[in-house]
């Protein structure tokens, strides 16, 4: 008897119920209890590949966006500057009650080491003014005020009046007596400050009629007669 070798079987591929391909020997499939071998079909492998690609794409997108958010600096706030407002320009001081003014007339009389200086004032309003206290301002010094009264130089009263009513358009003299503290007072300025009332309101008037005493004759000054 000659041995022809192991029996050969025809391999066949059958689809299974769950979509997988089953490989089996042809003669065992027809026999009960025959052994079968299976491998995943192309449909299963395609689904797995597509799912894996989607997962990789999602992870790559998340990492790229996260890195971009970290690399991009936050926007800086824009500072806006408004142009500086113009500073208010200084205005010349204005007198609220300019009705009492100096006429430009003045007087000066020396008596020993005392000196009387007087200015003439005028009421330029259309109603009466009440002239009150007046005093001297000595920016440099050299003199000391000792008396003040109403009237021209050389006609001083014992003391200043309690009040003086100056009718509209009228003038009056205001005189101050000084004790001279230096040999020659000519370089020294003297200012008059007068307080008065206008319709019940108090006002101040400053009169610079003696910017210096250079035009005043005084025996202690060089060239004085």
Protein backbone atom coordinates (compact mmCIF):
# COMPACT_ATOMS: atom_id res chain seq x y z
CA UNK A 1 0.00 0.00 0.00
CA UNK A 2 1.30 3.39 -0.85
CA UNK A 3 0.78 6.35 1.67
CA UNK A 4 -0.36 9.47 -0.07
CA UNK A 5 0.28 11.83 2.90
CA UNK A 6 -2.14 13.58 5.28
CA UNK A 7 -5.52 14.35 3.94
CA UNK A 8 -6.02 17.82 2.52
CA UNK A 9 -8.96 20.01 3.30
CA UNK A 10 -10.38 22.91 1.41
CA UNK A 11 -10.11 26.19 3.42
CA UNK A 12 -13.17 28.30 3.14
CA UNK A 13 -14.13 31.75 4.60
CA UNK A 14 -17.60 32.14 5.96
CA UNK A 15 -19.16 35.29 7.41
CA UNK A 16 -20.25 34.94 11.00
CA UNK A 17 -23.26 36.42 12.67
CA UNK A 18 -21.25 39.23 14.39
CA UNK A 19 -19.70 40.48 11.14
CA UNK A 20 -16.37 38.67 11.46
CA UNK A 21 -14.97 36.35 8.75
CA UNK A 22 -14.55 32.73 9.80
CA UNK A 23 -11.95 30.48 8.18
CA UNK A 24 -12.66 26.78 8.36
CA UNK A 25 -11.67 23.57 6.67
CA UNK A 26 -14.18 22.63 4.12
CA UNK A 27 -14.70 19.08 5.32
CA UNK A 28 -14.92 20.02 9.03
CA UNK A 29 -17.57 22.73 8.49
CA UNK A 30 -19.90 20.12 7.20
CA UNK A 31 -19.19 17.92 10.18
CA UNK A 32 -20.56 18.61 13.55
CA UNK A 33 -17.99 19.77 16.05
CA UNK A 34 -15.58 20.90 13.39
CA UNK A 35 -13.04 23.55 14.51
CA UNK A 36 -13.29 27.03 13.11
CA UNK A 37 -10.78 29.89 12.98
CA UNK A 38 -11.81 33.60 12.69
CA UNK A 39 -10.12 36.90 12.10
CA UNK A 40 -11.51 40.48 12.25
CA UNK A 41 -13.10 41.68 9.10
CA UNK A 42 -12.17 44.83 7.14
CA UNK A 43 -15.17 46.71 8.45
CA UNK A 44 -14.01 46.32 12.06
CA UNK A 45 -10.45 47.29 11.25
CA UNK A 46 -11.62 50.46 9.39
CA UNK A 47 -13.78 51.57 12.32
CA UNK A 48 -10.88 51.17 14.74
CA UNK A 49 -8.52 53.13 12.49
CA UNK A 50 -11.03 56.00 12.05
CA UNK A 51 -11.65 56.17 15.80
CA UNK A 52 -7.95 56.23 16.57
CA UNK A 53 -7.38 59.01 14.01
CA UNK A 54 -10.19 61.12 15.52
CA UNK A 55 -8.76 60.69 19.02
CA UNK A 56 -5.28 61.71 17.86
CA UNK A 57 -6.72 64.78 16.08
CA UNK A 58 -8.65 65.90 19.17
CA UNK A 59 -5.60 65.54 21.41
CA UNK A 60 -3.39 67.43 18.95
CA UNK A 61 -5.95 70.24 18.66
CA UNK A 62 -6.29 70.59 22.43
CA UNK A 63 -2.50 70.67 22.94
CA UNK A 64 -2.03 73.21 20.13
CA UNK A 65 -4.74 75.52 21.49
CA UNK A 66 -3.41 75.25 25.03
CA UNK A 67 0.11 76.13 23.92
CA UNK A 68 -1.20 79.05 21.84
CA UNK A 69 -3.11 80.43 24.83
CA UNK A 70 0.04 80.21 26.95
CA UNK A 71 2.26 81.79 24.28
CA UNK A 72 -0.13 84.70 23.55
CA UNK A 73 0.35 87.46 26.16
CA UNK A 74 -2.78 89.06 27.55
CA UNK A 75 -3.68 92.38 25.89
CA UNK A 76 -2.37 95.38 27.74
CA UNK A 77 -4.81 98.09 28.73
CA UNK A 78 -4.54 101.18 26.57
CA UNK A 79 -3.91 104.30 28.59
CA UNK A 80 -5.62 107.38 27.33
CA UNK A 81 -4.40 110.76 28.39
CA UNK A 82 -6.57 113.80 28.15
CA UNK A 83 -4.94 117.09 27.25
CA UNK A 84 -4.16 119.17 30.31
CA UNK A 85 -6.75 121.77 31.02
CA UNK A 86 -5.46 125.29 30.62
CA UNK A 87 -4.48 126.83 33.89
CA UNK A 88 -6.53 129.83 34.87
CA UNK A 89 -4.84 133.06 33.98
CA UNK A 90 -4.27 135.42 36.86
CA UNK A 91 -6.57 138.38 36.77
CA UNK A 92 -5.77 141.79 38.02
CA UNK A 93 -7.30 142.47 41.42
CA UNK A 94 -10.45 144.52 41.15
CA UNK A 95 -11.79 146.83 43.77
CA UNK A 96 -15.37 146.07 44.70
CA UNK A 97 -15.95 149.67 45.83
CA UNK A 98 -13.72 152.01 43.75
CA UNK A 99 -15.80 155.05 44.64
CA UNK A 100 -13.26 156.61 47.03
CA UNK A 101 -10.13 157.69 45.15
CA UNK A 102 -7.19 160.08 45.56
CA UNK A 103 -7.30 163.32 43.60
CA UNK A 104 -3.52 163.52 43.27
CA UNK A 105 -3.19 166.48 45.62
CA UNK A 106 -0.89 165.96 48.62
CA UNK A 107 0.79 167.96 51.37
CA UNK A 108 3.86 167.67 53.63
CA UNK A 109 5.01 169.76 56.62
CA UNK A 110 8.09 169.22 58.82
CA UNK A 111 8.07 170.10 62.51
CA UNK A 112 11.36 169.16 64.17
CA UNK A 113 11.76 165.41 63.77
CA UNK A 114 8.09 164.95 62.92
CA UNK A 115 6.60 165.03 59.45
CA UNK A 116 2.96 165.47 58.42
CA UNK A 117 1.86 163.85 55.16
CA UNK A 118 -1.62 164.29 53.71
CA UNK A 119 -3.62 163.15 50.66
CA UNK A 120 -6.85 164.53 49.24
CA UNK A 121 -9.64 161.98 48.59
CA UNK A 122 -12.81 162.32 46.54
CA UNK A 123 -16.20 160.59 46.53
CA UNK A 124 -16.84 159.73 42.89
CA UNK A 125 -20.12 157.89 43.49
CA UNK A 126 -23.66 159.29 43.33
CA UNK A 127 -24.31 158.72 47.03
CA UNK A 128 -22.59 159.49 50.33
CA UNK A 129 -19.69 157.42 51.66
CA UNK A 130 -18.73 156.86 55.27
CA UNK A 131 -14.97 157.33 55.74
CA UNK A 132 -13.65 155.35 58.70
CA UNK A 133 -10.17 154.46 59.91
CA UNK A 134 -7.13 155.19 57.74
CA UNK A 135 -3.54 154.26 58.38
CA UNK A 136 -0.07 154.28 56.85
CA UNK A 137 1.82 151.35 55.33
CA UNK A 138 5.62 151.68 55.45
CA UNK A 139 7.18 148.97 53.21
CA UNK A 140 10.77 149.94 54.07
CA UNK A 141 10.42 151.66 57.44
CA UNK A 142 12.37 154.76 58.50
CA UNK A 143 9.25 156.42 59.97
CA UNK A 144 6.68 155.65 62.65
CA UNK A 145 3.06 156.85 62.51
CA UNK A 146 1.97 158.67 65.69
CA UNK A 147 -1.36 160.34 64.75
CA UNK A 148 -4.01 160.39 62.00
CA UNK A 149 -6.92 162.79 61.51
CA UNK A 150 -9.17 164.44 58.95
CA UNK A 151 -7.90 167.78 57.61
CA UNK A 152 -5.06 169.25 55.65
CA UNK A 153 -1.45 169.45 56.81
CA UNK A 154 -0.92 171.97 59.63
CA UNK A 155 -4.56 171.93 60.73
CA UNK A 156 -4.66 168.76 62.75
CA UNK A 157 -7.40 168.18 65.27
CA UNK A 158 -6.72 166.65 68.70
CA UNK A 159 -7.87 163.22 67.44
CA UNK A 160 -9.62 161.49 64.54
CA UNK A 161 -13.40 162.01 64.31
CA UNK A 162 -15.68 159.13 65.20
CA UNK A 163 -17.00 159.06 61.63
CA UNK A 164 -16.90 161.18 58.50
CA UNK A 165 -19.68 161.30 55.93
CA UNK A 166 -18.42 162.39 52.54
CA UNK A 167 -21.24 163.50 50.21
CA UNK A 168 -21.26 162.54 46.54
CA UNK A 169 -18.75 164.51 44.53
CA UNK A 170 -17.08 166.06 47.61
CA UNK A 171 -13.40 165.95 48.62
CA UNK A 172 -11.57 165.81 51.95
CA UNK A 173 -8.00 165.72 53.30
CA UNK A 174 -6.60 162.82 55.31
CA UNK A 175 -3.35 163.54 57.21
CA UNK A 176 -0.94 161.32 59.18
CA UNK A 177 1.87 162.53 61.47
CA UNK A 178 5.13 160.55 61.53
CA UNK A 179 8.14 160.48 63.77
CA UNK A 180 11.21 160.37 61.52
CA UNK A 181 13.70 157.69 62.61
CA UNK A 182 16.46 158.47 60.09
CA UNK A 183 18.46 161.55 59.20
CA UNK A 184 16.88 161.84 55.75
CA UNK A 185 13.50 160.11 54.95
CA UNK A 186 13.54 160.91 51.22
CA UNK A 187 14.21 157.32 49.96
CA UNK A 188 11.29 155.83 51.95
CA UNK A 189 7.83 155.14 50.43
CA UNK A 190 4.56 155.81 52.33
CA UNK A 191 1.16 154.33 51.43
CA UNK A 192 -2.31 155.28 52.73
CA UNK A 193 -4.96 152.61 53.35
CA UNK A 194 -8.48 153.98 53.94
CA UNK A 195 -11.49 152.03 55.20
CA UNK A 196 -14.94 153.30 54.21
CA UNK A 197 -18.53 152.11 53.93
CA UNK A 198 -20.65 152.17 50.80
CA UNK A 199 -24.36 151.38 51.25
CA UNK A 200 -23.58 149.54 54.48
CA UNK A 201 -20.72 147.48 53.00
CA UNK A 202 -17.11 147.93 54.09
CA UNK A 203 -14.40 148.54 51.49
CA UNK A 204 -10.69 149.37 51.46
CA UNK A 205 -8.82 151.81 49.27
CA UNK A 206 -5.03 151.86 48.95
CA UNK A 207 -3.40 155.09 47.79
CA UNK A 208 0.25 155.19 46.69
CA UNK A 209 0.62 158.95 46.58
CA UNK A 210 4.10 158.85 48.13
CA UNK A 211 6.18 156.23 46.25
CA UNK A 212 9.11 157.96 47.98
CA UNK A 213 9.67 161.25 49.84
CA UNK A 214 12.12 162.66 47.33
CA UNK A 215 9.79 165.62 46.58
CA UNK A 216 9.26 166.38 50.27
CA UNK A 217 11.47 169.13 51.78
CA UNK A 218 13.17 167.94 54.96
CA UNK A 219 15.99 169.73 56.78
CA UNK A 220 18.02 166.60 57.39
CA UNK A 221 18.37 165.76 53.69
CA UNK A 222 21.21 167.00 51.45
CA UNK A 223 20.17 169.97 49.30
CA UNK A 224 17.02 170.65 51.36
CA UNK A 225 16.24 174.35 51.85
